[in-house]
Structure formats: structure tokens, C-alpha cells
């Protein structure tokens, strides 16, 4: 008996961090998304257009990734790519919201920033 492919749909990207509520507040300021669900060590932000959400999970042993990556140090496991209308304006807004800008920038048309927990994310023109 042949089996068909079961249905899959990516619902959420979860980011580990030292404080789920603090990191959720940063992304709430950055993206303007609303909190859909909240627990003591976990927060879910919902995408207003129904797309994939972001959740944040507190992990006591969390170690921030190093950017740029270096051997023998904590590597990033993923990063978020965020489309923007104006790169300079979006970078300034993200930094004012709590992001930091590392010195190393691999491309002129993309900005790599770090969220307050140290996760790299990229801003790029749509």
C-alpha cells in the first residue's frame, strides 16, 4: 500500500535565549507583531499576515553565537532574513530598538545585526 506525503506547514521559528520575554519584546518592537501566547519561559509572536510566527524560549545554559563565526566558539544555528524598504533607516530603527551592529559586514547591500541575545539577523532590500 503506497502512502502519500503527509501535510506539513512551518508554523513557528523558535529562538533559544536567556530571557524569552526580553527577546520577544525586542522583536515585537522591531517587527510590530503581537504576542499570541505567553508562558513564564516561552513567548509566541504572530505574523499579522498569517505567515510563520516567531517564538522565544528561555534556556538557562544559552550561549550566544559569535559573529563572525570562529572555530572552537559557539556557532549560529540559523539567522533571520528580514526584508526592508530602506536599509539605512531600518538599521537605525533596529539599533534604537536594541540591536547592535557588528563591525564585520560581508555585503554592501545587506546589514548583519545582532539581537539582544546575540543572534545574527540580516536586513535586506525587498
PDB file of N, CA and C in Angstrom:
ATOM      1  N   UNK A   1       0.841  -1.187   0.000  1.00  0.00           N
ATOM      2  CA  UNK A   1       0.000   0.000   0.000  1.00  0.00           C
ATOM      3  C   UNK A   1       0.885   1.248   0.000  1.00  0.00           C
ATOM      4  N   UNK A   2       0.741   2.089  -1.009  1.00  0.00           N
ATOM      5  CA  UNK A   2       1.540   3.307  -1.114  1.00  0.00           C
ATOM      6  C   UNK A   2       0.970   4.390  -0.206  1.00  0.00           C
ATOM      7  N   UNK A   3       1.877   5.099   0.449  1.00  0.00           N
ATOM      8  CA  UNK A   3       1.454   6.193   1.322  1.00  0.00           C
ATOM      9  C   UNK A   3       1.744   7.522   0.634  1.00  0.00           C
ATOM     10  N   UNK A   4       0.817   8.436   0.749  1.00  0.00           N
ATOM     11  CA  UNK A   4       1.037   9.782   0.230  1.00  0.00           C
ATOM     12  C   UNK A   4       1.842  10.595   1.222  1.00  0.00           C
ATOM     13  N   UNK A   5       2.318  11.713   0.774  1.00  0.00           N
ATOM     14  CA  UNK A   5       3.064  12.602   1.658  1.00  0.00           C
ATOM     15  C   UNK A   5       2.101  13.260   2.638  1.00  0.00           C
ATOM     16  N   UNK A   6       2.403  13.191   3.937  1.00  0.00           N
ATOM     17  CA  UNK A   6       1.551  13.890   4.895  1.00  0.00           C
ATOM     18  C   UNK A   6       1.715  15.406   4.749  1.00  0.00           C
ATOM     19  N   UNK A   7       0.746  16.164   5.227  1.00  0.00           N
ATOM     20  CA  UNK A   7       0.760  17.616   5.149  1.00  0.00           C
ATOM     21  C   UNK A   7       1.721  18.187   6.187  1.00  0.00           C
ATOM     22  N   UNK A   8       2.569  19.134   5.776  1.00  0.00           N
ATOM     23  CA  UNK A   8       3.479  19.854   6.660  1.00  0.00           C
ATOM     24  C   UNK A   8       3.321  21.341   6.400  1.00  0.00           C
ATOM     25  N   UNK A   9       3.416  22.143   7.463  1.00  0.00           N
ATOM     26  CA  UNK A   9       3.385  23.588   7.314  1.00  0.00           C
ATOM     27  C   UNK A   9       4.220  24.190   8.443  1.00  0.00           C
ATOM     28  N   UNK A  10       5.209  24.983   8.082  1.00  0.00           N
ATOM     29  CA  UNK A  10       6.058  25.606   9.090  1.00  0.00           C
ATOM     30  C   UNK A  10       5.247  26.671   9.829  1.00  0.00           C
ATOM     31  N   UNK A  11       5.067  26.473  11.126  1.00  0.00           N
ATOM     32  CA  UNK A  11       4.232  27.369  11.920  1.00  0.00           C
ATOM     33  C   UNK A  11       5.040  28.441  12.636  1.00  0.00           C
ATOM     34  N   UNK A  12       6.212  28.061  13.168  1.00  0.00           N
ATOM     35  CA  UNK A  12       6.970  28.955  14.022  1.00  0.00           C
ATOM     36  C   UNK A  12       8.461  28.654  13.917  1.00  0.00           C
ATOM     37  N   UNK A  13       9.271  29.677  13.998  1.00  0.00           N
ATOM     38  CA  UNK A  13      10.713  29.533  14.185  1.00  0.00           C
ATOM     39  C   UNK A  13      10.964  29.900  15.641  1.00  0.00           C
ATOM     40  N   UNK A  14      11.570  28.990  16.392  1.00  0.00           N
ATOM     41  CA  UNK A  14      11.819  29.203  17.824  1.00  0.00           C
ATOM     42  C   UNK A  14      13.282  29.570  18.048  1.00  0.00           C
ATOM     43  N   UNK A  15      13.505  30.625  18.810  1.00  0.00           N
ATOM     44  CA  UNK A  15      14.850  31.054  19.156  1.00  0.00           C
ATOM     45  C   UNK A  15      15.086  30.832  20.643  1.00  0.00           C
ATOM     46  N   UNK A  16      16.139  30.103  20.967  1.00  0.00           N
ATOM     47  CA  UNK A  16      16.548  29.970  22.363  1.00  0.00           C
ATOM     48  C   UNK A  16      17.256  31.250  22.775  1.00  0.00           C
ATOM     49  N   UNK A  17      17.160  31.582  24.052  1.00  0.00           N
ATOM     50  CA  UNK A  17      17.750  32.823  24.544  1.00  0.00           C
ATOM     51  C   UNK A  17      17.779  32.783  26.071  1.00  0.00           C
ATOM     52  N   UNK A  18      18.457  33.733  26.700  1.00  0.00           N
ATOM     53  CA  UNK A  18      18.474  33.740  28.161  1.00  0.00           C
ATOM     54  C   UNK A  18      17.151  34.203  28.786  1.00  0.00           C
ATOM     55  N   UNK A  19      16.389  35.051  28.080  1.00  0.00           N
ATOM     56  CA  UNK A  19      15.137  35.591  28.623  1.00  0.00           C
ATOM     57  C   UNK A  19      14.120  35.730  27.481  1.00  0.00           C
ATOM     58  N   UNK A  20      13.174  34.800  27.427  1.00  0.00           N
ATOM     59  CA  UNK A  20      12.192  34.770  26.331  1.00  0.00           C
ATOM     60  C   UNK A  20      11.395  36.066  26.241  1.00  0.00           C
ATOM     61  N   UNK A  21      11.007  36.615  27.364  1.00  0.00           N
ATOM     62  CA  UNK A  21      10.174  37.821  27.349  1.00  0.00           C
ATOM     63  C   UNK A  21      10.957  39.038  26.855  1.00  0.00           C
ATOM     64  N   UNK A  22      12.212  39.170  27.270  1.00  0.00           N
ATOM     65  CA  UNK A  22      13.026  40.306  26.820  1.00  0.00           C
ATOM     66  C   UNK A  22      13.270  40.231  25.314  1.00  0.00           C
ATOM     67  N   UNK A  23      13.581  39.043  24.794  1.00  0.00           N
ATOM     68  CA  UNK A  23      13.845  38.929  23.364  1.00  0.00           C
ATOM     69  C   UNK A  23      12.552  39.102  22.558  1.00  0.00           C
ATOM     70  N   UNK A  24      11.445  38.588  23.064  1.00  0.00           N
ATOM     71  CA  UNK A  24      10.161  38.784  22.387  1.00  0.00           C
ATOM     72  C   UNK A  24       9.813  40.274  22.318  1.00  0.00           C
ATOM     73  N   UNK A  25      10.099  41.019  23.376  1.00  0.00           N
ATOM     74  CA  UNK A  25       9.830  42.460  23.369  1.00  0.00           C
ATOM     75  C   UNK A  25      10.661  43.167  22.301  1.00  0.00           C
ATOM     76  N   UNK A  26      11.918  42.750  22.130  1.00  0.00           N
ATOM     77  CA  UNK A  26      12.751  43.339  21.077  1.00  0.00           C
ATOM     78  C   UNK A  26      12.130  43.097  19.705  1.00  0.00           C
ATOM     79  N   UNK A  27      11.793  41.844  19.391  1.00  0.00           N
ATOM     80  CA  UNK A  27      11.229  41.538  18.078  1.00  0.00           C
ATOM     81  C   UNK A  27       9.832  42.131  17.910  1.00  0.00           C
ATOM     82  N   UNK A  28       9.112  42.308  18.993  1.00  0.00           N
ATOM     83  CA  UNK A  28       7.813  42.973  18.925  1.00  0.00           C
ATOM     84  C   UNK A  28       8.013  44.435  18.507  1.00  0.00           C
ATOM     85  N   UNK A  29       9.024  45.103  19.088  1.00  0.00           N
ATOM     86  CA  UNK A  29       9.334  46.489  18.698  1.00  0.00           C
ATOM     87  C   UNK A  29       9.809  46.535  17.241  1.00  0.00           C
ATOM     88  N   UNK A  30      10.686  45.598  16.865  1.00  0.00           N
ATOM     89  CA  UNK A  30      11.277  45.600  15.534  1.00  0.00           C
ATOM     90  C   UNK A  30      10.243  45.334  14.446  1.00  0.00           C
ATOM     91  N   UNK A  31       9.428  44.296  14.631  1.00  0.00           N
ATOM     92  CA  UNK A  31       8.509  43.852  13.589  1.00  0.00           C
ATOM     93  C   UNK A  31       7.089  44.393  13.733  1.00  0.00           C
ATOM     94  N   UNK A  32       6.739  44.847  14.936  1.00  0.00           N
ATOM     95  CA  UNK A  32       5.381  45.319  15.168  1.00  0.00           C
ATOM     96  C   UNK A  32       4.369  44.189  15.327  1.00  0.00           C
ATOM     97  N   UNK A  33       4.841  42.983  15.609  1.00  0.00           N
ATOM     98  CA  UNK A  33       3.952  41.830  15.763  1.00  0.00           C
ATOM     99  C   UNK A  33       3.398  41.761  17.180  1.00  0.00           C
ATOM    100  N   UNK A  34       2.267  41.094  17.333  1.00  0.00           N
ATOM    101  CA  UNK A  34       1.595  40.955  18.624  1.00  0.00           C
ATOM    102  C   UNK A  34       1.948  39.630  19.290  1.00  0.00           C
ATOM    103  N   UNK A  35       1.888  39.636  20.611  1.00  0.00           N
ATOM    104  CA  UNK A  35       2.069  38.403  21.381  1.00  0.00           C
ATOM    105  C   UNK A  35       0.799  37.578  21.224  1.00  0.00           C
ATOM    106  N   UNK A  36       0.956  36.345  20.750  1.00  0.00           N
ATOM    107  CA  UNK A  36      -0.178  35.446  20.589  1.00  0.00           C
ATOM    108  C   UNK A  36      -0.343  34.565  21.824  1.00  0.00           C
ATOM    109  N   UNK A  37       0.781  34.195  22.432  1.00  0.00           N
ATOM    110  CA  UNK A  37       0.746  33.325  23.595  1.00  0.00           C
ATOM    111  C   UNK A  37       1.979  33.593  24.442  1.00  0.00           C
ATOM    112  N   UNK A  38       1.828  33.467  25.749  1.00  0.00           N
ATOM    113  CA  UNK A  38       2.940  33.749  26.644  1.00  0.00           C
ATOM    114  C   UNK A  38       2.883  32.823  27.858  1.00  0.00           C
ATOM    115  N   UNK A  39       4.008  32.252  28.188  1.00  0.00           N
ATOM    116  CA  UNK A  39       4.189  31.428  29.384  1.00  0.00           C
ATOM    117  C   UNK A  39       5.424  31.954  30.101  1.00  0.00           C
ATOM    118  N   UNK A  40       5.723  31.476  31.296  1.00  0.00           N
ATOM    119  CA  UNK A  40       6.882  32.019  32.018  1.00  0.00           C
ATOM    120  C   UNK A  40       8.205  31.957  31.249  1.00  0.00           C
ATOM    121  N   UNK A  41       8.461  30.902  30.483  1.00  0.00           N
ATOM    122  CA  UNK A  41       9.731  30.756  29.768  1.00  0.00           C
ATOM    123  C   UNK A  41       9.565  30.643  28.259  1.00  0.00           C
ATOM    124  N   UNK A  42       8.427  31.100  27.727  1.00  0.00           N
ATOM    125  CA  UNK A  42       8.161  30.953  26.295  1.00  0.00           C
ATOM    126  C   UNK A  42       7.169  32.016  25.861  1.00  0.00           C
ATOM    127  N   UNK A  43       7.425  32.618  24.689  1.00  0.00           N
ATOM    128  CA  UNK A  43       6.538  33.635  24.120  1.00  0.00           C
ATOM    129  C   UNK A  43       6.413  33.380  22.624  1.00  0.00           C
ATOM    130  N   UNK A  44       5.198  33.521  22.095  1.00  0.00           N
ATOM    131  CA  UNK A  44       4.950  33.381  20.665  1.00  0.00           C
ATOM    132  C   UNK A  44       4.444  34.700  20.110  1.00  0.00           C
ATOM    133  N   UNK A  45       5.124  35.196  19.054  1.00  0.00           N
ATOM    134  CA  UNK A  45       4.651  36.361  18.310  1.00  0.00           C
ATOM    135  C   UNK A  45       4.017  35.861  17.028  1.00  0.00           C
ATOM    136  N   UNK A  46       2.875  36.443  16.657  1.00  0.00           N
ATOM    137  CA  UNK A  46       2.198  36.018  15.437  1.00  0.00           C
ATOM    138  C   UNK A  46       2.429  37.041  14.330  1.00  0.00           C
ATOM    139  N   UNK A  47       2.621  36.520  13.143  1.00  0.00           N
ATOM    140  CA  UNK A  47       2.788  37.350  11.952  1.00  0.00           C
ATOM    141  C   UNK A  47       1.413  37.856  11.541  1.00  0.00           C
ATOM    142  N   UNK A  48       1.232  39.166  11.349  1.00  0.00           N
ATOM    143  CA  UNK A  48      -0.090  39.709  11.041  1.00  0.00           C
ATOM    144  C   UNK A  48      -0.710  39.178   9.745  1.00  0.00           C
ATOM    145  N   UNK A  49       0.116  38.764   8.781  1.00  0.00           N
ATOM    146  CA  UNK A  49      -0.451  38.253   7.532  1.00  0.00           C
ATOM    147  C   UNK A  49      -0.670  36.743   7.556  1.00  0.00           C
ATOM    148  N   UNK A  50      -0.510  36.138   8.732  1.00  0.00           N
ATOM    149  CA  UNK A  50      -0.753  34.712   8.874  1.00  0.00           C
ATOM    150  C   UNK A  50       0.448  33.838   8.556  1.00  0.00           C
ATOM    151  N   UNK A  51       1.588  34.441   8.263  1.00  0.00           N
ATOM    152  CA  UNK A  51       2.796  33.675   7.943  1.00  0.00           C
ATOM    153  C   UNK A  51       3.411  33.046   9.184  1.00  0.00           C
ATOM    154  N   UNK A  52       4.582  32.518   9.004  1.00  0.00           N
ATOM    155  CA  UNK A  52       5.311  31.842  10.074  1.00  0.00           C
ATOM    156  C   UNK A  52       5.560  32.797  11.233  1.00  0.00           C
ATOM    157  N   UNK A  53       5.276  32.347  12.444  1.00  0.00           N
ATOM    158  CA  UNK A  53       5.486  33.148  13.632  1.00  0.00           C
ATOM    159  C   UNK A  53       6.888  32.985  14.188  1.00  0.00           C
ATOM    160  N   UNK A  54       7.185  33.732  15.242  1.00  0.00           N
ATOM    161  CA  UNK A  54       8.448  33.620  15.962  1.00  0.00           C
ATOM    162  C   UNK A  54       8.146  33.320  17.412  1.00  0.00           C
ATOM    163  N   UNK A  55       8.848  32.330  17.958  1.00  0.00           N
ATOM    164  CA  UNK A  55       8.705  32.077  19.382  1.00  0.00           C
ATOM    165  C   UNK A  55      10.076  32.136  20.042  1.00  0.00           C
ATOM    166  N   UNK A  56      10.060  32.349  21.333  1.00  0.00           N
ATOM    167  CA  UNK A  56      11.282  32.551  22.100  1.00  0.00           C
ATOM    168  C   UNK A  56      11.194  31.682  23.341  1.00  0.00           C
ATOM    169  N   UNK A  57      12.266  30.960  23.592  1.00  0.00           N
ATOM    170  CA  UNK A  57      12.288  30.021  24.708  1.00  0.00           C
ATOM    171  C   UNK A  57      13.490  30.307  25.586  1.00  0.00           C
ATOM    172  N   UNK A  58      13.256  30.539  26.868  1.00  0.00           N
ATOM    173  CA  UNK A  58      14.348  30.757  27.814  1.00  0.00           C
ATOM    174  C   UNK A  58      15.104  29.463  28.034  1.00  0.00           C
ATOM    175  N   UNK A  59      16.415  29.544  27.936  1.00  0.00           N
ATOM    176  CA  UNK A  59      17.293  28.399  28.184  1.00  0.00           C
ATOM    177  C   UNK A  59      18.377  28.848  29.154  1.00  0.00           C
ATOM    178  N   UNK A  60      18.437  28.231  30.347  1.00  0.00           N
ATOM    179  CA  UNK A  60      19.429  28.664  31.351  1.00  0.00           C
ATOM    180  C   UNK A  60      20.877  28.559  30.878  1.00  0.00           C
ATOM    181  N   UNK A  61      21.211  27.593  30.039  1.00  0.00           N
ATOM    182  CA  UNK A  61      22.581  27.417  29.576  1.00  0.00           C
ATOM    183  C   UNK A  61      22.866  28.055  28.232  1.00  0.00           C
ATOM    184  N   UNK A  62      22.014  28.977  27.797  1.00  0.00           N
ATOM    185  CA  UNK A  62      22.167  29.602  26.484  1.00  0.00           C
ATOM    186  C   UNK A  62      23.531  30.267  26.338  1.00  0.00           C
ATOM    187  N   UNK A  63      24.167  30.026  25.184  1.00  0.00           N
ATOM    188  CA  UNK A  63      25.413  30.710  24.827  1.00  0.00           C
ATOM    189  C   UNK A  63      25.189  31.417  23.500  1.00  0.00           C
ATOM    190  N   UNK A  64      25.424  32.690  23.477  1.00  0.00           N
ATOM    191  CA  UNK A  64      25.228  33.473  22.250  1.00  0.00           C
ATOM    192  C   UNK A  64      26.216  33.039  21.176  1.00  0.00           C
ATOM    193  N   UNK A  65      25.779  32.997  19.914  1.00  0.00           N
ATOM    194  CA  UNK A  65      26.715  32.687  18.834  1.00  0.00           C
ATOM    195  C   UNK A  65      27.698  33.831  18.628  1.00  0.00           C
ATOM    196  N   UNK A  66      28.822  33.514  18.025  1.00  0.00           N
ATOM    197  CA  UNK A  66      29.850  34.509  17.745  1.00  0.00           C
ATOM    198  C   UNK A  66      29.726  34.933  16.284  1.00  0.00           C
ATOM    199  N   UNK A  67      29.768  36.241  16.028  1.00  0.00           N
ATOM    200  CA  UNK A  67      29.738  36.760  14.660  1.00  0.00           C
ATOM    201  C   UNK A  67      30.893  37.716  14.477  1.00  0.00           C
ATOM    202  N   UNK A  68      31.724  37.580  13.440  1.00  0.00           N
ATOM    203  CA  UNK A  68      31.669  36.460  12.504  1.00  0.00           C
ATOM    204  C   UNK A  68      32.087  35.165  13.193  1.00  0.00           C
ATOM    205  N   UNK A  69      31.660  34.076  12.598  1.00  0.00           N
ATOM    206  CA  UNK A  69      31.935  32.771  13.191  1.00  0.00           C
ATOM    207  C   UNK A  69      33.434  32.504  13.250  1.00  0.00           C
ATOM    208  N   UNK A  70      33.845  31.846  14.339  1.00  0.00           N
ATOM    209  CA  UNK A  70      35.241  31.468  14.539  1.00  0.00           C
ATOM    210  C   UNK A  70      35.284  30.025  15.022  1.00  0.00           C
ATOM    211  N   UNK A  71      36.286  29.263  14.587  1.00  0.00           N
ATOM    212  CA  UNK A  71      36.407  27.876  15.043  1.00  0.00           C
ATOM    213  C   UNK A  71      36.479  27.812  16.571  1.00  0.00           C
ATOM    214  N   UNK A  72      35.952  26.756  17.117  1.00  0.00           N
ATOM    215  CA  UNK A  72      36.010  26.480  18.558  1.00  0.00           C
ATOM    216  C   UNK A  72      35.144  27.411  19.394  1.00  0.00           C
ATOM    217  N   UNK A  73      34.301  28.235  18.761  1.00  0.00           N
ATOM    218  CA  UNK A  73      33.388  29.101  19.504  1.00  0.00           C
ATOM    219  C   UNK A  73      31.962  28.785  19.075  1.00  0.00           C
ATOM    220  N   UNK A  74      30.998  29.212  19.871  1.00  0.00           N
ATOM    221  CA  UNK A  74      29.598  28.918  19.595  1.00  0.00           C
ATOM    222  C   UNK A  74      29.204  29.423  18.210  1.00  0.00           C
ATOM    223  N   UNK A  75      28.722  28.517  17.365  1.00  0.00           N
ATOM    224  CA  UNK A  75      28.303  28.858  16.014  1.00  0.00           C
ATOM    225  C   UNK A  75      26.808  29.207  15.998  1.00  0.00           C
ATOM    226  N   UNK A  76      26.407  30.040  15.042  1.00  0.00           N
ATOM    227  CA  UNK A  76      24.978  30.278  14.877  1.00  0.00           C
ATOM    228  C   UNK A  76      24.370  29.033  14.254  1.00  0.00           C
ATOM    229  N   UNK A  77      23.134  28.773  14.589  1.00  0.00           N
ATOM    230  CA  UNK A  77      22.438  27.620  14.030  1.00  0.00           C
ATOM    231  C   UNK A  77      21.461  28.063  12.943  1.00  0.00           C
ATOM    232  N   UNK A  78      21.061  29.312  12.994  1.00  0.00           N
ATOM    233  CA  UNK A  78      20.190  29.899  11.987  1.00  0.00           C
ATOM    234  C   UNK A  78      20.265  31.399  12.132  1.00  0.00           C
ATOM    235  N   UNK A  79      19.758  32.087  11.130  1.00  0.00           N
ATOM    236  CA  UNK A  79      19.596  33.532  11.253  1.00  0.00           C
ATOM    237  C   UNK A  79      18.334  33.920  10.498  1.00  0.00           C
ATOM    238  N   UNK A  80      17.790  35.053  10.845  1.00  0.00           N
ATOM    239  CA  UNK A  80      16.576  35.549  10.198  1.00  0.00           C
ATOM    240  C   UNK A  80      16.951  36.538   9.108  1.00  0.00           C
ATOM    241  N   UNK A  81      16.299  36.441   7.954  1.00  0.00           N
ATOM    242  CA  UNK A  81      16.425  37.416   6.877  1.00  0.00           C
ATOM    243  C   UNK A  81      15.160  38.259   6.881  1.00  0.00           C
ATOM    244  N   UNK A  82      15.319  39.568   7.025  1.00  0.00           N
ATOM    245  CA  UNK A  82      14.183  40.472   7.153  1.00  0.00           C
ATOM    246  C   UNK A  82      14.231  41.493   6.023  1.00  0.00           C
ATOM    247  N   UNK A  83      13.173  41.510   5.195  1.00  0.00           N
ATOM    248  CA  UNK A  83      13.071  42.482   4.098  1.00  0.00           C
ATOM    249  C   UNK A  83      12.709  43.856   4.652  1.00  0.00           C
ATOM    250  N   UNK A  84      13.324  44.883   4.076  1.00  0.00           N
ATOM    251  CA  UNK A  84      13.056  46.263   4.483  1.00  0.00           C
ATOM    252  C   UNK A  84      12.942  47.147   3.243  1.00  0.00           C
ATOM    253  N   UNK A  85      12.342  48.327   3.416  1.00  0.00           N
ATOM    254  CA  UNK A  85      12.205  49.286   2.325  1.00  0.00           C
ATOM    255  C   UNK A  85      13.432  50.181   2.171  1.00  0.00           C
ATOM    256  N   UNK A  86      14.050  50.535   3.290  1.00  0.00           N
ATOM    257  CA  UNK A  86      15.192  51.443   3.296  1.00  0.00           C
ATOM    258  C   UNK A  86      16.223  50.887   4.265  1.00  0.00           C
ATOM    259  N   UNK A  87      17.375  50.491   3.746  1.00  0.00           N
ATOM    260  CA  UNK A  87      18.373  49.800   4.559  1.00  0.00           C
ATOM    261  C   UNK A  87      18.909  50.671   5.697  1.00  0.00           C
ATOM    262  N   UNK A  88      19.285  51.891   5.399  1.00  0.00           N
ATOM    263  CA  UNK A  88      19.846  52.773   6.429  1.00  0.00           C
ATOM    264  C   UNK A  88      18.818  53.096   7.509  1.00  0.00           C
ATOM    265  N   UNK A  89      17.598  53.404   7.095  1.00  0.00           N
ATOM    266  CA  UNK A  89      16.533  53.728   8.047  1.00  0.00           C
ATOM    267  C   UNK A  89      16.195  52.509   8.914  1.00  0.00           C
ATOM    268  N   UNK A  90      16.121  51.337   8.291  1.00  0.00           N
ATOM    269  CA  UNK A  90      15.804  50.124   9.035  1.00  0.00           C
ATOM    270  C   UNK A  90      16.912  49.765  10.019  1.00  0.00           C
ATOM    271  N   UNK A  91      18.156  49.943   9.599  1.00  0.00           N
ATOM    272  CA  UNK A  91      19.278  49.671  10.510  1.00  0.00           C
ATOM    273  C   UNK A  91      19.218  50.595  11.719  1.00  0.00           C
ATOM    274  N   UNK A  92      19.007  51.878  11.500  1.00  0.00           N
ATOM    275  CA  UNK A  92      18.928  52.840  12.602  1.00  0.00           C
ATOM    276  C   UNK A  92      17.777  52.491  13.544  1.00  0.00           C
ATOM    277  N   UNK A  93      16.645  52.115  12.988  1.00  0.00           N
ATOM    278  CA  UNK A  93      15.484  51.739  13.798  1.00  0.00           C
ATOM    279  C   UNK A  93      15.797  50.498  14.637  1.00  0.00           C
ATOM    280  N   UNK A  94      16.406  49.488  14.007  1.00  0.00           N
ATOM    281  CA  UNK A  94      16.728  48.247  14.718  1.00  0.00           C
ATOM    282  C   UNK A  94      17.717  48.502  15.847  1.00  0.00           C
ATOM    283  N   UNK A  95      18.711  49.333  15.614  1.00  0.00           N
ATOM    284  CA  UNK A  95      19.692  49.656  16.657  1.00  0.00           C
ATOM    285  C   UNK A  95      19.006  50.419  17.794  1.00  0.00           C
ATOM    286  N   UNK A  96      18.128  51.351  17.466  1.00  0.00           N
ATOM    287  CA  UNK A  96      17.386  52.076  18.507  1.00  0.00           C
ATOM    288  C   UNK A  96      16.480  51.137  19.298  1.00  0.00           C
ATOM    289  N   UNK A  97      16.003  50.062  18.671  1.00  0.00           N
ATOM    290  CA  UNK A  97      15.138  49.089  19.343  1.00  0.00           C
ATOM    291  C   UNK A  97      15.925  48.119  20.216  1.00  0.00           C
ATOM    292  N   UNK A  98      17.257  48.099  20.081  1.00  0.00           N
ATOM    293  CA  UNK A  98      18.069  47.241  20.937  1.00  0.00           C
ATOM    294  C   UNK A  98      19.053  46.338  20.226  1.00  0.00           C
ATOM    295  N   UNK A  99      19.092  46.375  18.883  1.00  0.00           N
ATOM    296  CA  UNK A  99      20.059  45.568  18.140  1.00  0.00           C
ATOM    297  C   UNK A  99      21.438  46.223  18.207  1.00  0.00           C
ATOM    298  N   UNK A 100      22.459  45.455  17.881  1.00  0.00           N
ATOM    299  CA  UNK A 100      23.800  46.025  17.760  1.00  0.00           C
ATOM    300  C   UNK A 100      24.335  45.689  16.371  1.00  0.00           C
ATOM    301  N   UNK A 101      25.259  46.525  15.897  1.00  0.00           N
ATOM    302  CA  UNK A 101      25.839  46.346  14.562  1.00  0.00           C
ATOM    303  C   UNK A 101      27.281  45.899  14.723  1.00  0.00           C
ATOM    304  N   UNK A 102      27.560  44.642  14.352  1.00  0.00           N
ATOM    305  CA  UNK A 102      28.954  44.201  14.433  1.00  0.00           C
ATOM    306  C   UNK A 102      29.788  44.884  13.350  1.00  0.00           C
ATOM    307  N   UNK A 103      31.077  44.974  13.580  1.00  0.00           N
ATOM    308  CA  UNK A 103      31.964  45.618  12.618  1.00  0.00           C
ATOM    309  C   UNK A 103      31.982  44.864  11.288  1.00  0.00           C
ATOM    310  N   UNK A 104      32.029  43.525  11.334  1.00  0.00           N
ATOM    311  CA  UNK A 104      32.126  42.730  10.114  1.00  0.00           C
ATOM    312  C   UNK A 104      30.794  42.721   9.377  1.00  0.00           C
ATOM    313  N   UNK A 105      30.804  43.240   8.148  1.00  0.00           N
ATOM    314  CA  UNK A 105      29.633  43.274   7.270  1.00  0.00           C
ATOM    315  C   UNK A 105      30.057  42.669   5.929  1.00  0.00           C
ATOM    316  N   UNK A 106      29.585  41.467   5.589  1.00  0.00           N
ATOM    317  CA  UNK A 106      30.080  40.776   4.399  1.00  0.00           C
ATOM    318  C   UNK A 106      29.596  41.322   3.064  1.00  0.00           C
ATOM    319  N   UNK A 107      28.527  42.128   3.047  1.00  0.00           N
ATOM    320  CA  UNK A 107      27.977  42.651   1.797  1.00  0.00           C
ATOM    321  C   UNK A 107      27.554  44.095   1.987  1.00  0.00           C
ATOM    322  N   UNK A 108      27.653  44.881   0.906  1.00  0.00           N
ATOM    323  CA  UNK A 108      27.233  46.279   0.971  1.00  0.00           C
ATOM    324  C   UNK A 108      25.719  46.443   0.977  1.00  0.00           C
ATOM    325  N   UNK A 109      24.992  45.489   0.373  1.00  0.00           N
ATOM    326  CA  UNK A 109      23.541  45.632   0.237  1.00  0.00           C
ATOM    327  C   UNK A 109      22.752  44.859   1.298  1.00  0.00           C
ATOM    328  N   UNK A 110      23.447  44.376   2.329  1.00  0.00           N
ATOM    329  CA  UNK A 110      22.819  43.658   3.445  1.00  0.00           C
ATOM    330  C   UNK A 110      23.446  44.175   4.730  1.00  0.00           C
ATOM    331  N   UNK A 111      22.655  44.306   5.776  1.00  0.00           N
ATOM    332  CA  UNK A 111      23.188  44.665   7.088  1.00  0.00           C
ATOM    333  C   UNK A 111      22.996  43.483   8.022  1.00  0.00           C
ATOM    334  N   UNK A 112      24.084  43.010   8.592  1.00  0.00           N
ATOM    335  CA  UNK A 112      24.016  41.981   9.626  1.00  0.00           C
ATOM    336  C   UNK A 112      23.981  42.705  10.959  1.00  0.00           C
ATOM    337  N   UNK A 113      22.945  42.430  11.734  1.00  0.00           N
ATOM    338  CA  UNK A 113      22.814  42.997  13.067  1.00  0.00           C
ATOM    339  C   UNK A 113      22.696  41.847  14.057  1.00  0.00           C
ATOM    340  N   UNK A 114      22.866  42.151  15.340  1.00  0.00           N
ATOM    341  CA  UNK A 114      22.713  41.154  16.392  1.00  0.00           C
ATOM    342  C   UNK A 114      21.567  41.572  17.289  1.00  0.00           C
ATOM    343  N   UNK A 115      20.668  40.629  17.581  1.00  0.00           N
ATOM    344  CA  UNK A 115      19.592  40.940  18.521  1.00  0.00           C
ATOM    345  C   UNK A 115      20.165  40.960  19.938  1.00  0.00           C
ATOM    346  N   UNK A 116      19.396  41.356  20.948  1.00  0.00           N
ATOM    347  CA  UNK A 116      19.935  41.456  22.299  1.00  0.00           C
ATOM    348  C   UNK A 116      20.484  40.144  22.880  1.00  0.00           C
ATOM    349  N   UNK A 117      20.074  38.992  22.339  1.00  0.00           N
ATOM    350  CA  UNK A 117      20.612  37.704  22.797  1.00  0.00           C
ATOM    351  C   UNK A 117      21.797  37.262  21.950  1.00  0.00           C
ATOM    352  N   UNK A 118      22.200  38.072  20.962  1.00  0.00           N
ATOM    353  CA  UNK A 118      23.366  37.765  20.148  1.00  0.00           C
ATOM    354  C   UNK A 118      23.096  37.018  18.858  1.00  0.00           C
ATOM    355  N   UNK A 119      21.820  36.720  18.553  1.00  0.00           N
ATOM    356  CA  UNK A 119      21.506  36.055  17.281  1.00  0.00           C
ATOM    357  C   UNK A 119      21.718  37.029  16.130  1.00  0.00           C
ATOM    358  N   UNK A 120      22.487  36.636  15.109  1.00  0.00           N
ATOM    359  CA  UNK A 120      22.583  37.499  13.932  1.00  0.00           C
ATOM    360  C   UNK A 120      21.267  37.490  13.152  1.00  0.00           C
ATOM    361  N   UNK A 121      20.931  38.624  12.558  1.00  0.00           N
ATOM    362  CA  UNK A 121      19.827  38.685  11.608  1.00  0.00           C
ATOM    363  C   UNK A 121      20.228  39.652  10.518  1.00  0.00           C
ATOM    364  N   UNK A 122      19.698  39.444   9.322  1.00  0.00           N
ATOM    365  CA  UNK A 122      20.074  40.247   8.161  1.00  0.00           C
ATOM    366  C   UNK A 122      18.910  41.110   7.723  1.00  0.00           C
ATOM    367  N   UNK A 123      19.207  42.365   7.440  1.00  0.00           N
ATOM    368  CA  UNK A 123      18.265  43.280   6.812  1.00  0.00           C
ATOM    369  C   UNK A 123      18.665  43.394   5.355  1.00  0.00           C
ATOM    370  N   UNK A 124      17.700  43.292   4.450  1.00  0.00           N
ATOM    371  CA  UNK A 124      17.990  43.432   3.036  1.00  0.00           C
ATOM    372  C   UNK A 124      16.818  44.090   2.334  1.00  0.00           C
ATOM    373  N   UNK A 125      17.105  44.775   1.230  1.00  0.00           N
ATOM    374  CA  UNK A 125      16.064  45.459   0.468  1.00  0.00           C
ATOM    375  C   UNK A 125      15.197  44.450  -0.266  1.00  0.00           C
ATOM    376  N   UNK A 126      13.895  44.695  -0.254  1.00  0.00           N
ATOM    377  CA  UNK A 126      12.980  43.776  -0.951  1.00  0.00           C
ATOM    378  C   UNK A 126      12.857  44.142  -2.388  1.00  0.00           C
TER     379      UNK A 126
END
